[in-house]
Amino acid sequence: MTAPIPAPADNIAEIQQNIAQAKAHFQMTQAVTLCAVSKSQPAAAIRAAYAAGQTVFGENYLQEALGKQAQLQDCAIAWHFIGPIQSNKTQQIARQFDWVHSVDRLKIAQRLSDARTAELPPLNICLQVNISEEASKSGASGQELLQLALQIKQLPHLRLRGLMAIPAPQQDFAAQRDQFSQVRALFDHLNAHGLQLDTLSIGMSGDYQAAIAEGATLVRIGTAIFGARQPKPSPDTDLASKGAV
């Protein structure tokens, strides 16, 4: 029996309300974009979210994403790639996505820039920082971030927009804020060197309100929109354990 397609409209409305309330409570004024993380979700679920007004979607696995993009060509979706990047997939990622959040080394950035075709606008890039220094997660260290950002800023077909991080899960709100504050400090440090970044991609289903309190401009929400995912094999399983949620 085929599982029912989730109806995410109410969840999206609730999250948007929570975002507005968090901004008001913490006296934050930044615009916050909701990125619906649609990995493992069928195209029909994405279409339902799109019908509810959601236009920004994040995908972790290239082959899965390409199939859904083909089915949703009639929708004006901004596609964000948020998973780890293998070198042999940079060409398609560069051409099929509007944003890439998970750049953590110069080699990958160079390949994305080289593959981005001239008729497309520059590819929006966030540098992934491994703020918790977890071996199981991708990301540059805080120490190497400035040099990496300055190098990527020079690449012709990329637009460096900001930082992305996936801190270690924390149940305590203060602990969540502490980790996000470390990302914000790195963001401010880069801007102090003239990088003019405008995007902090931090916060997921369990901690996005703490992220907003620390300046998040984009939150990546999957479970709270679509419900719990059913585990399934991915064409990119070799790096699945390092992806965003």
C-alpha atoms as a PDB file:
ATOM      1  CA  MET A   1       0.000   0.000   0.000  1.00  0.00           C
ATOM      2  CA  THR A   2       1.358   3.399  -0.971  1.00  0.00           C
ATOM      3  CA  ALA A   3       2.022   5.753   1.948  1.00  0.00           C
ATOM      4  CA  PRO A   4      -0.110   8.921   1.949  1.00  0.00           C
ATOM      5  CA  ILE A   5       1.530  12.092   0.714  1.00  0.00           C
ATOM      6  CA  PRO A   6       2.079  14.529   3.608  1.00  0.00           C
ATOM      7  CA  ALA A   7      -0.002  17.726   3.623  1.00  0.00           C
ATOM      8  CA  PRO A   8       2.580  20.219   4.910  1.00  0.00           C
ATOM      9  CA  ALA A   9       0.608  23.473   4.599  1.00  0.00           C
ATOM     10  CA  ASP A  10      -0.301  23.681   8.298  1.00  0.00           C
ATOM     11  CA  ASN A  11       3.247  22.791   9.358  1.00  0.00           C
ATOM     12  CA  ILE A  12       4.728  25.480   7.125  1.00  0.00           C
ATOM     13  CA  ALA A  13       2.328  28.079   8.529  1.00  0.00           C
ATOM     14  CA  GLU A  14       3.200  27.053  12.098  1.00  0.00           C
ATOM     15  CA  ILE A  15       6.945  27.262  11.428  1.00  0.00           C
ATOM     16  CA  GLN A  16       6.608  30.680   9.831  1.00  0.00           C
ATOM     17  CA  GLN A  17       4.652  31.814  12.884  1.00  0.00           C
ATOM     18  CA  ASN A  18       7.356  30.391  15.178  1.00  0.00           C
ATOM     19  CA  ILE A  19      10.024  32.221  13.182  1.00  0.00           C
ATOM     20  CA  ALA A  20       8.159  35.513  13.572  1.00  0.00           C
ATOM     21  CA  GLN A  21       7.647  34.931  17.286  1.00  0.00           C
ATOM     22  CA  ALA A  22      11.311  34.040  17.840  1.00  0.00           C
ATOM     23  CA  LYS A  23      12.419  37.197  16.036  1.00  0.00           C
ATOM     24  CA  ALA A  24      10.091  39.293  18.160  1.00  0.00           C
ATOM     25  CA  HIS A  25      11.055  37.604  21.423  1.00  0.00           C
ATOM     26  CA  PHE A  26      14.787  38.000  20.852  1.00  0.00           C
ATOM     27  CA  GLN A  27      14.408  41.409  19.204  1.00  0.00           C
ATOM     28  CA  MET A  28      15.992  40.251  15.959  1.00  0.00           C
ATOM     29  CA  THR A  29      15.299  42.116  12.732  1.00  0.00           C
ATOM     30  CA  GLN A  30      16.944  39.969  10.042  1.00  0.00           C
ATOM     31  CA  ALA A  31      14.867  38.376   7.282  1.00  0.00           C
ATOM     32  CA  VAL A  32      14.745  34.596   7.739  1.00  0.00           C
ATOM     33  CA  THR A  33      14.278  32.252   4.771  1.00  0.00           C
ATOM     34  CA  LEU A  34      12.656  28.874   5.378  1.00  0.00           C
ATOM     35  CA  CYS A  35      14.392  26.140   3.370  1.00  0.00           C
ATOM     36  CA  ALA A  36      12.261  22.986   3.282  1.00  0.00           C
ATOM     37  CA  VAL A  37      14.599  19.988   3.410  1.00  0.00           C
ATOM     38  CA  SER A  38      12.976  17.534   1.038  1.00  0.00           C
ATOM     39  CA  LYS A  39      15.483  14.678   0.919  1.00  0.00           C
ATOM     40  CA  SER A  40      13.710  11.294   0.730  1.00  0.00           C
ATOM     41  CA  GLN A  41      10.404  13.069   0.082  1.00  0.00           C
ATOM     42  CA  PRO A  42       8.570  12.343  -3.175  1.00  0.00           C
ATOM     43  CA  ALA A  43       7.985  15.043  -5.759  1.00  0.00           C
ATOM     44  CA  ALA A  44       4.296  15.043  -4.811  1.00  0.00           C
ATOM     45  CA  ALA A  45       5.130  16.142  -1.261  1.00  0.00           C
ATOM     46  CA  ILE A  46       7.306  18.959  -2.596  1.00  0.00           C
ATOM     47  CA  ARG A  47       4.493  20.009  -4.909  1.00  0.00           C
ATOM     48  CA  ALA A  48       2.091  20.098  -1.948  1.00  0.00           C
ATOM     49  CA  ALA A  49       4.494  22.326  -0.014  1.00  0.00           C
ATOM     50  CA  TYR A  50       4.949  24.521  -3.071  1.00  0.00           C
ATOM     51  CA  ALA A  51       1.163  24.893  -3.362  1.00  0.00           C
ATOM     52  CA  ALA A  52       1.232  26.137   0.252  1.00  0.00           C
ATOM     53  CA  GLY A  53       3.629  28.922  -0.765  1.00  0.00           C
ATOM     54  CA  GLN A  54       6.982  27.274  -0.038  1.00  0.00           C
ATOM     55  CA  THR A  55       9.487  27.996  -2.832  1.00  0.00           C
ATOM     56  CA  VAL A  56      12.912  27.158  -1.341  1.00  0.00           C
ATOM     57  CA  PHE A  57      13.864  23.487  -1.068  1.00  0.00           C
ATOM     58  CA  GLY A  58      17.047  21.780   0.068  1.00  0.00           C
ATOM     59  CA  GLU A  59      18.316  18.442  -1.217  1.00  0.00           C
ATOM     60  CA  ASN A  60      21.189  16.302   0.065  1.00  0.00           C
ATOM     61  CA  TYR A  61      21.601  13.694  -2.660  1.00  0.00           C
ATOM     62  CA  LEU A  62      22.237  14.654  -6.264  1.00  0.00           C
ATOM     63  CA  GLN A  63      20.668  11.736  -8.121  1.00  0.00           C
ATOM     64  CA  GLU A  64      17.530  11.848  -5.997  1.00  0.00           C
ATOM     65  CA  ALA A  65      17.270  15.602  -6.511  1.00  0.00           C
ATOM     66  CA  LEU A  66      17.673  15.420 -10.280  1.00  0.00           C
ATOM     67  CA  GLY A  67      14.708  13.083 -10.578  1.00  0.00           C
ATOM     68  CA  LYS A  68      12.488  15.394  -8.559  1.00  0.00           C
ATOM     69  CA  GLN A  69      13.663  18.485 -10.432  1.00  0.00           C
ATOM     70  CA  ALA A  70      12.635  16.828 -13.691  1.00  0.00           C
ATOM     71  CA  GLN A  71       9.133  16.240 -12.308  1.00  0.00           C
ATOM     72  CA  LEU A  72       8.788  19.782 -10.962  1.00  0.00           C
ATOM     73  CA  GLN A  73      10.020  21.873 -13.876  1.00  0.00           C
ATOM     74  CA  ASP A  74       6.723  23.774 -13.906  1.00  0.00           C
ATOM     75  CA  CYS A  75       7.345  25.066 -10.355  1.00  0.00           C
ATOM     76  CA  ALA A  76       9.439  28.193  -9.710  1.00  0.00           C
ATOM     77  CA  ILE A  77      11.576  26.509  -7.061  1.00  0.00           C
ATOM     78  CA  ALA A  78      14.909  27.765  -5.745  1.00  0.00           C
ATOM     79  CA  TRP A  79      16.956  24.586  -5.293  1.00  0.00           C
ATOM     80  CA  HIS A  80      19.608  24.480  -2.549  1.00  0.00           C
ATOM     81  CA  PHE A  81      22.164  21.686  -2.377  1.00  0.00           C
ATOM     82  CA  ILE A  82      22.918  21.065   1.303  1.00  0.00           C
ATOM     83  CA  GLY A  83      24.684  17.702   1.373  1.00  0.00           C
ATOM     84  CA  PRO A  84      28.344  16.719   1.138  1.00  0.00           C
ATOM     85  CA  ILE A  85      29.832  17.168  -2.326  1.00  0.00           C
ATOM     86  CA  GLN A  86      31.818  14.538  -4.172  1.00  0.00           C
ATOM     87  CA  SER A  87      34.216  15.855  -6.813  1.00  0.00           C
ATOM     88  CA  ASN A  88      32.619  13.828  -9.602  1.00  0.00           C
ATOM     89  CA  LYS A  89      29.230  15.440  -8.922  1.00  0.00           C
ATOM     90  CA  THR A  90      30.288  19.088  -9.019  1.00  0.00           C
ATOM     91  CA  GLN A  91      29.396  19.616 -12.672  1.00  0.00           C
ATOM     92  CA  GLN A  92      25.737  18.688 -12.282  1.00  0.00           C
ATOM     93  CA  ILE A  93      25.415  20.432  -8.925  1.00  0.00           C
ATOM     94  CA  ALA A  94      26.821  23.635 -10.427  1.00  0.00           C
ATOM     95  CA  ARG A  95      24.311  23.576 -13.260  1.00  0.00           C
ATOM     96  CA  GLN A  96      21.173  22.326 -11.508  1.00  0.00           C
ATOM     97  CA  PHE A  97      21.136  24.301  -8.250  1.00  0.00           C
ATOM     98  CA  ASP A  98      20.793  27.941  -7.286  1.00  0.00           C
ATOM     99  CA  TRP A  99      22.656  27.595  -3.974  1.00  0.00           C
ATOM    100  CA  VAL A 100      25.260  25.253  -2.513  1.00  0.00           C
ATOM    101  CA  HIS A 101      25.616  25.317   1.278  1.00  0.00           C
ATOM    102  CA  SER A 102      28.240  22.634   1.812  1.00  0.00           C
ATOM    103  CA  VAL A 103      31.494  23.912   0.277  1.00  0.00           C
ATOM    104  CA  ASP A 104      34.356  23.135   2.642  1.00  0.00           C
ATOM    105  CA  ARG A 105      37.494  23.133   0.494  1.00  0.00           C
ATOM    106  CA  LEU A 106      38.969  25.129  -2.370  1.00  0.00           C
ATOM    107  CA  LYS A 107      39.109  22.204  -4.812  1.00  0.00           C
ATOM    108  CA  ILE A 108      35.325  21.782  -4.693  1.00  0.00           C
ATOM    109  CA  ALA A 109      34.744  25.528  -5.087  1.00  0.00           C
ATOM    110  CA  GLN A 110      37.044  25.670  -8.110  1.00  0.00           C
ATOM    111  CA  ARG A 111      35.242  22.761  -9.762  1.00  0.00           C
ATOM    112  CA  LEU A 112      31.850  24.376  -9.127  1.00  0.00           C
ATOM    113  CA  SER A 113      33.049  27.669 -10.597  1.00  0.00           C
ATOM    114  CA  ASP A 114      34.500  25.964 -13.656  1.00  0.00           C
ATOM    115  CA  ALA A 115      31.265  24.044 -14.256  1.00  0.00           C
ATOM    116  CA  ARG A 116      28.868  26.971 -13.854  1.00  0.00           C
ATOM    117  CA  THR A 117      27.906  28.001 -17.369  1.00  0.00           C
ATOM    118  CA  ALA A 118      28.168  31.615 -18.513  1.00  0.00           C
ATOM    119  CA  GLU A 119      24.446  32.034 -19.214  1.00  0.00           C
ATOM    120  CA  LEU A 120      23.594  31.288 -15.569  1.00  0.00           C
ATOM    121  CA  PRO A 121      23.967  33.827 -12.750  1.00  0.00           C
ATOM    122  CA  PRO A 122      26.802  33.187 -10.280  1.00  0.00           C
ATOM    123  CA  LEU A 123      26.199  30.182  -8.038  1.00  0.00           C
ATOM    124  CA  ASN A 124      25.408  31.228  -4.463  1.00  0.00           C
ATOM    125  CA  ILE A 125      27.823  29.583  -2.038  1.00  0.00           C
ATOM    126  CA  CYS A 126      27.941  29.057   1.711  1.00  0.00           C
ATOM    127  CA  LEU A 127      31.044  27.693   3.386  1.00  0.00           C
ATOM    128  CA  GLN A 128      30.337  24.819   5.731  1.00  0.00           C
ATOM    129  CA  VAL A 129      32.136  25.115   9.052  1.00  0.00           C
ATOM    130  CA  ASN A 130      32.496  22.146  11.416  1.00  0.00           C
ATOM    131  CA  ILE A 131      31.905  24.131  14.583  1.00  0.00           C
ATOM    132  CA  SER A 132      31.682  21.033  16.806  1.00  0.00           C
ATOM    133  CA  GLU A 133      34.765  19.463  15.182  1.00  0.00           C
ATOM    134  CA  GLU A 134      32.918  16.165  14.717  1.00  0.00           C
ATOM    135  CA  ALA A 135      34.785  13.596  12.628  1.00  0.00           C
ATOM    136  CA  SER A 136      31.483  12.360  11.178  1.00  0.00           C
ATOM    137  CA  LYS A 137      30.631  15.742   9.626  1.00  0.00           C
ATOM    138  CA  SER A 138      32.017  17.724   6.749  1.00  0.00           C
ATOM    139  CA  GLY A 139      33.160  21.301   7.174  1.00  0.00           C
ATOM    140  CA  ALA A 140      36.176  23.545   7.343  1.00  0.00           C
ATOM    141  CA  SER A 141      37.705  24.416  10.677  1.00  0.00           C
ATOM    142  CA  GLY A 142      37.348  27.905  12.075  1.00  0.00           C
ATOM    143  CA  GLN A 143      41.101  28.413  11.761  1.00  0.00           C
ATOM    144  CA  GLU A 144      41.163  27.878   7.998  1.00  0.00           C
ATOM    145  CA  LEU A 145      37.927  29.684   7.216  1.00  0.00           C
ATOM    146  CA  LEU A 146      39.264  33.167   6.449  1.00  0.00           C
ATOM    147  CA  GLN A 147      41.899  32.019   3.968  1.00  0.00           C
ATOM    148  CA  LEU A 148      39.386  29.717   2.282  1.00  0.00           C
ATOM    149  CA  ALA A 149      36.795  32.499   2.032  1.00  0.00           C
ATOM    150  CA  LEU A 150      39.283  34.959   0.526  1.00  0.00           C
ATOM    151  CA  GLN A 151      40.313  32.397  -2.104  1.00  0.00           C
ATOM    152  CA  ILE A 152      36.753  31.469  -3.027  1.00  0.00           C
ATOM    153  CA  LYS A 153      35.769  35.127  -3.243  1.00  0.00           C
ATOM    154  CA  GLN A 154      38.051  35.402  -6.284  1.00  0.00           C
ATOM    155  CA  LEU A 155      36.412  32.603  -8.294  1.00  0.00           C
ATOM    156  CA  PRO A 156      34.533  34.068 -11.263  1.00  0.00           C
ATOM    157  CA  HIS A 157      31.271  32.104 -11.337  1.00  0.00           C
ATOM    158  CA  LEU A 158      30.525  31.903  -7.616  1.00  0.00           C
ATOM    159  CA  ARG A 159      28.976  34.380  -5.201  1.00  0.00           C
ATOM    160  CA  LEU A 160      30.127  33.783  -1.644  1.00  0.00           C
ATOM    161  CA  ARG A 161      27.096  34.483   0.550  1.00  0.00           C
ATOM    162  CA  GLY A 162      27.879  33.179   4.026  1.00  0.00           C
ATOM    163  CA  LEU A 163      28.344  30.249   6.372  1.00  0.00           C
ATOM    164  CA  MET A 164      26.507  26.998   7.017  1.00  0.00           C
ATOM    165  CA  ALA A 165      26.901  24.786  10.078  1.00  0.00           C
ATOM    166  CA  ILE A 166      25.374  21.635  11.557  1.00  0.00           C
ATOM    167  CA  PRO A 167      26.390  21.705  15.231  1.00  0.00           C
ATOM    168  CA  ALA A 168      26.178  18.621  17.419  1.00  0.00           C
ATOM    169  CA  PRO A 169      22.585  18.084  18.626  1.00  0.00           C
ATOM    170  CA  GLN A 170      21.817  19.730  21.960  1.00  0.00           C
ATOM    171  CA  GLN A 171      18.609  19.499  23.969  1.00  0.00           C
ATOM    172  CA  ASP A 172      19.372  22.519  26.133  1.00  0.00           C
ATOM    173  CA  PHE A 173      18.396  25.841  24.545  1.00  0.00           C
ATOM    174  CA  ALA A 174      21.355  27.691  26.053  1.00  0.00           C
ATOM    175  CA  ALA A 175      23.752  25.069  24.682  1.00  0.00           C
ATOM    176  CA  GLN A 176      22.157  25.395  21.247  1.00  0.00           C
ATOM    177  CA  ARG A 177      22.613  29.161  21.350  1.00  0.00           C
ATOM    178  CA  ASP A 178      26.218  28.815  22.456  1.00  0.00           C
ATOM    179  CA  GLN A 179      27.117  26.740  19.404  1.00  0.00           C
ATOM    180  CA  PHE A 180      25.321  29.068  17.034  1.00  0.00           C
ATOM    181  CA  SER A 181      26.991  32.079  18.646  1.00  0.00           C
ATOM    182  CA  GLN A 182      30.348  30.556  17.695  1.00  0.00           C
ATOM    183  CA  VAL A 183      29.227  30.395  14.047  1.00  0.00           C
ATOM    184  CA  ARG A 184      28.002  33.978  14.257  1.00  0.00           C
ATOM    185  CA  ALA A 185      31.389  35.067  15.648  1.00  0.00           C
ATOM    186  CA  LEU A 186      33.135  33.488  12.640  1.00  0.00           C
ATOM    187  CA  PHE A 187      30.641  35.184  10.316  1.00  0.00           C
ATOM    188  CA  ASP A 188      31.363  38.557  11.921  1.00  0.00           C
ATOM    189  CA  HIS A 189      35.108  37.884  11.749  1.00  0.00           C
ATOM    190  CA  LEU A 190      34.922  37.270   7.986  1.00  0.00           C
ATOM    191  CA  ASN A 191      32.871  40.404   7.462  1.00  0.00           C
ATOM    192  CA  ALA A 192      35.416  42.387   9.460  1.00  0.00           C
ATOM    193  CA  HIS A 193      37.860  41.444   6.682  1.00  0.00           C
ATOM    194  CA  GLY A 194      35.598  42.954   4.014  1.00  0.00           C
ATOM    195  CA  LEU A 195      33.853  39.816   2.736  1.00  0.00           C
ATOM    196  CA  GLN A 196      30.326  41.327   2.878  1.00  0.00           C
ATOM    197  CA  LEU A 197      28.537  38.077   3.715  1.00  0.00           C
ATOM    198  CA  ASP A 198      24.771  38.161   4.223  1.00  0.00           C
ATOM    199  CA  THR A 199      23.724  34.553   4.923  1.00  0.00           C
ATOM    200  CA  LEU A 200      23.873  32.449   8.078  1.00  0.00           C
ATOM    201  CA  SER A 201      22.468  29.007   7.223  1.00  0.00           C
ATOM    202  CA  ILE A 202      22.013  27.575  10.711  1.00  0.00           C
ATOM    203  CA  GLY A 203      19.146  25.891  12.531  1.00  0.00           C
ATOM    204  CA  MET A 204      17.115  22.756  11.852  1.00  0.00           C
ATOM    205  CA  SER A 205      13.852  21.285  13.127  1.00  0.00           C
ATOM    206  CA  GLY A 206      15.017  20.902  16.726  1.00  0.00           C
ATOM    207  CA  ASP A 207      16.949  24.130  17.206  1.00  0.00           C
ATOM    208  CA  TYR A 208      15.911  26.758  14.664  1.00  0.00           C
ATOM    209  CA  GLN A 209      14.555  29.168  17.258  1.00  0.00           C
ATOM    210  CA  ALA A 210      17.928  29.220  19.045  1.00  0.00           C
ATOM    211  CA  ALA A 211      19.567  29.799  15.663  1.00  0.00           C
ATOM    212  CA  ILE A 212      17.301  32.766  14.969  1.00  0.00           C
ATOM    213  CA  ALA A 213      18.270  34.223  18.339  1.00  0.00           C
ATOM    214  CA  GLU A 214      21.889  34.157  17.118  1.00  0.00           C
ATOM    215  CA  GLY A 215      21.216  35.752  13.739  1.00  0.00           C
ATOM    216  CA  ALA A 216      20.200  32.922  11.395  1.00  0.00           C
ATOM    217  CA  THR A 217      19.015  34.214   8.029  1.00  0.00           C
ATOM    218  CA  LEU A 218      18.136  30.765   6.658  1.00  0.00           C
ATOM    219  CA  VAL A 219      16.837  27.741   8.562  1.00  0.00           C
ATOM    220  CA  ARG A 220      16.764  24.241   7.078  1.00  0.00           C
ATOM    221  CA  ILE A 221      13.638  22.382   8.219  1.00  0.00           C
ATOM    222  CA  GLY A 222      12.671  18.881   7.129  1.00  0.00           C
ATOM    223  CA  THR A 223      11.000  16.758   9.802  1.00  0.00           C
ATOM    224  CA  ALA A 224       8.857  19.582  11.200  1.00  0.00           C
ATOM    225  CA  ILE A 225       7.398  20.116   7.712  1.00  0.00           C
ATOM    226  CA  PHE A 226       7.137  16.654   6.212  1.00  0.00           C
ATOM    227  CA  GLY A 227       7.164  14.416   9.292  1.00  0.00           C
ATOM    228  CA  ALA A 228       9.656  11.683  10.123  1.00  0.00           C
ATOM    229  CA  ARG A 229      11.478  10.331   7.095  1.00  0.00           C
ATOM    230  CA  GLN A 230      11.441   6.663   6.231  1.00  0.00           C
ATOM    231  CA  PRO A 231      15.033   5.415   5.884  1.00  0.00           C
ATOM    232  CA  LYS A 232      15.885   4.283   2.391  1.00  0.00           C
ATOM    233  CA  PRO A 233      19.026   3.647   0.350  1.00  0.00           C
ATOM    234  CA  SER A 234      20.378   6.707  -1.421  1.00  0.00           C
ATOM    235  CA  PRO A 235      22.495   6.821  -4.589  1.00  0.00           C
ATOM    236  CA  ASP A 236      24.976   8.865  -2.552  1.00  0.00           C
ATOM    237  CA  THR A 237      25.067   6.589   0.495  1.00  0.00           C
ATOM    238  CA  ASP A 238      28.829   6.700   0.918  1.00  0.00           C
ATOM    239  CA  LEU A 239      28.544  10.201   2.375  1.00  0.00           C
ATOM    240  CA  ALA A 240      24.997  10.087   3.704  1.00  0.00           C
ATOM    241  CA  SER A 241      26.084  10.112   7.332  1.00  0.00           C
ATOM    242  CA  LYS A 242      27.590  13.587   6.864  1.00  0.00           C
ATOM    243  CA  GLY A 243      24.538  15.318   5.401  1.00  0.00           C
ATOM    244  CA  ALA A 244      22.328  18.072   6.712  1.00  0.00           C
ATOM    245  CA  VAL A 245      18.859  17.463   8.105  1.00  0.00           C
END
